[in-house]
C-alpha atoms as a PDB file:
ATOM      1  CA  MET A   1       0.000   0.000   0.000  1.00  0.00           C
ATOM      2  CA  ILE A   2       2.739   2.484   0.924  1.00  0.00           C
ATOM      3  CA  ALA A   3       4.644   1.702  -2.265  1.00  0.00           C
ATOM      4  CA  LEU A   4       1.588   2.718  -4.313  1.00  0.00           C
ATOM      5  CA  MET A   5       1.120   6.111  -2.648  1.00  0.00           C
ATOM      6  CA  PRO A   6       3.454   8.044  -5.015  1.00  0.00           C
ATOM      7  CA  GLN A   7       1.658   6.628  -8.059  1.00  0.00           C
ATOM      8  CA  LEU A   8      -1.735   7.412  -6.538  1.00  0.00           C
ATOM      9  CA  ALA A   9      -0.628  10.962  -5.700  1.00  0.00           C
ATOM     10  CA  ALA A  10       0.612  11.447  -9.276  1.00  0.00           C
ATOM     11  CA  LEU A  11      -2.746  10.310 -10.626  1.00  0.00           C
ATOM     12  CA  LEU A  12      -4.727  12.351  -8.114  1.00  0.00           C
ATOM     13  CA  TRP A  13      -2.933  15.646  -8.827  1.00  0.00           C
ATOM     14  CA  ASN A  14      -2.364  14.956 -12.562  1.00  0.00           C
ATOM     15  CA  LEU A  15       1.411  15.230 -12.220  1.00  0.00           C
ATOM     16  CA  PRO A  16       3.525  14.478 -15.289  1.00  0.00           C
ATOM     17  CA  GLN A  17       5.686  11.365 -15.158  1.00  0.00           C
ATOM     18  CA  SER A  18       8.829  13.504 -15.479  1.00  0.00           C
ATOM     19  CA  ILE A  19       8.411  14.819 -11.927  1.00  0.00           C
ATOM     20  CA  GLY A  20       9.054  11.414 -10.388  1.00  0.00           C
ATOM     21  CA  LEU A  21       7.375  11.765  -7.035  1.00  0.00           C
ATOM     22  CA  GLY A  22       9.134   9.208  -4.868  1.00  0.00           C
ATOM     23  CA  GLY A  23       8.480   7.852  -1.427  1.00  0.00           C
ATOM     24  CA  THR A  24      11.072  10.076   0.247  1.00  0.00           C
ATOM     25  CA  SER A  25       9.738  13.284  -1.260  1.00  0.00           C
ATOM     26  CA  LEU A  26       6.196  12.296  -0.342  1.00  0.00           C
ATOM     27  CA  LEU A  27       7.317  11.640   3.224  1.00  0.00           C
ATOM     28  CA  ILE A  28       9.003  15.059   3.385  1.00  0.00           C
ATOM     29  CA  VAL A  29       5.869  16.812   2.114  1.00  0.00           C
ATOM     30  CA  VAL A  30       3.602  15.016   4.583  1.00  0.00           C
ATOM     31  CA  MET A  31       5.905  15.619   7.557  1.00  0.00           C
ATOM     32  CA  THR A  32       6.253  19.303   6.645  1.00  0.00           C
ATOM     33  CA  ALA A  33       2.475  19.652   6.518  1.00  0.00           C
ATOM     34  CA  ILE A  34       2.117  17.921   9.891  1.00  0.00           C
ATOM     35  CA  GLU A  35       4.761  20.188  11.441  1.00  0.00           C
ATOM     36  CA  LEU A  36       3.018  23.270  10.034  1.00  0.00           C
ATOM     37  CA  VAL A  37      -0.259  22.190  11.621  1.00  0.00           C
ATOM     38  CA  ARG A  38       1.507  21.586  14.956  1.00  0.00           C
ATOM     39  CA  GLN A  39       3.136  25.030  14.863  1.00  0.00           C
ATOM     40  CA  LEU A  40      -0.168  26.743  14.052  1.00  0.00           C
ATOM     41  CA  ASP A  41      -1.931  24.816  16.798  1.00  0.00           C
ATOM     42  CA  GLY A  42       0.718  25.863  19.312  1.00  0.00           C
ATOM     43  CA  LEU A  43       0.447  29.487  18.227  1.00  0.00           C
ATOM     44  CA  LEU A  44      -3.322  29.460  18.602  1.00  0.00           C
ATOM     45  CA  MET A  45      -3.098  27.803  22.027  1.00  0.00           C
ATOM     46  CA  LYS A  46      -0.570  30.420  23.154  1.00  0.00           C
ATOM     47  CA  ARG A  47      -2.816  33.233  21.956  1.00  0.00           C
ATOM     48  CA  GLU A  48      -5.795  31.717  23.764  1.00  0.00           C
ATOM     49  CA  TYR A  49      -3.772  31.203  26.948  1.00  0.00           C
ATOM     50  CA  VAL A  50      -2.457  34.791  26.943  1.00  0.00           C
ATOM     51  CA  GLY A  51      -5.989  36.093  26.363  1.00  0.00           C
ATOM     52  CA  PHE A  52      -7.243  33.969  29.245  1.00  0.00           C
ATOM     53  CA  ILE A  53      -4.567  35.334  31.616  1.00  0.00           C
ATOM     54  CA  GLN A  54      -5.155  38.946  30.558  1.00  0.00           C
ATOM     55  CA  GLY A  55      -8.919  38.524  30.903  1.00  0.00           C
ATOM     56  CA  ASP A  56      -8.438  37.047  34.384  1.00  0.00           C
ATOM     57  CA  LEU A  57      -6.277  39.997  35.469  1.00  0.00           C
ATOM     58  CA  VAL A  58      -8.859  42.500  34.252  1.00  0.00           C
ATOM     59  CA  LYS A  59     -11.642  40.855  36.286  1.00  0.00           C
ATOM     60  CA  LYS A  60      -9.736  41.209  39.572  1.00  0.00           C
END
């Protein structure tokens, strides 16, 4: 199944055969996307946490 993922991705996104999407490049793309989501999630949690602390200080 994993060996077929580059061929399926090439068919899904209509990539020409000259690009040669391999398993390593697919892994890099997926891991970069996962890391981006993690970074955005951390940023949003930080913003929410800072807003919670500032809102708590205003109420006192």
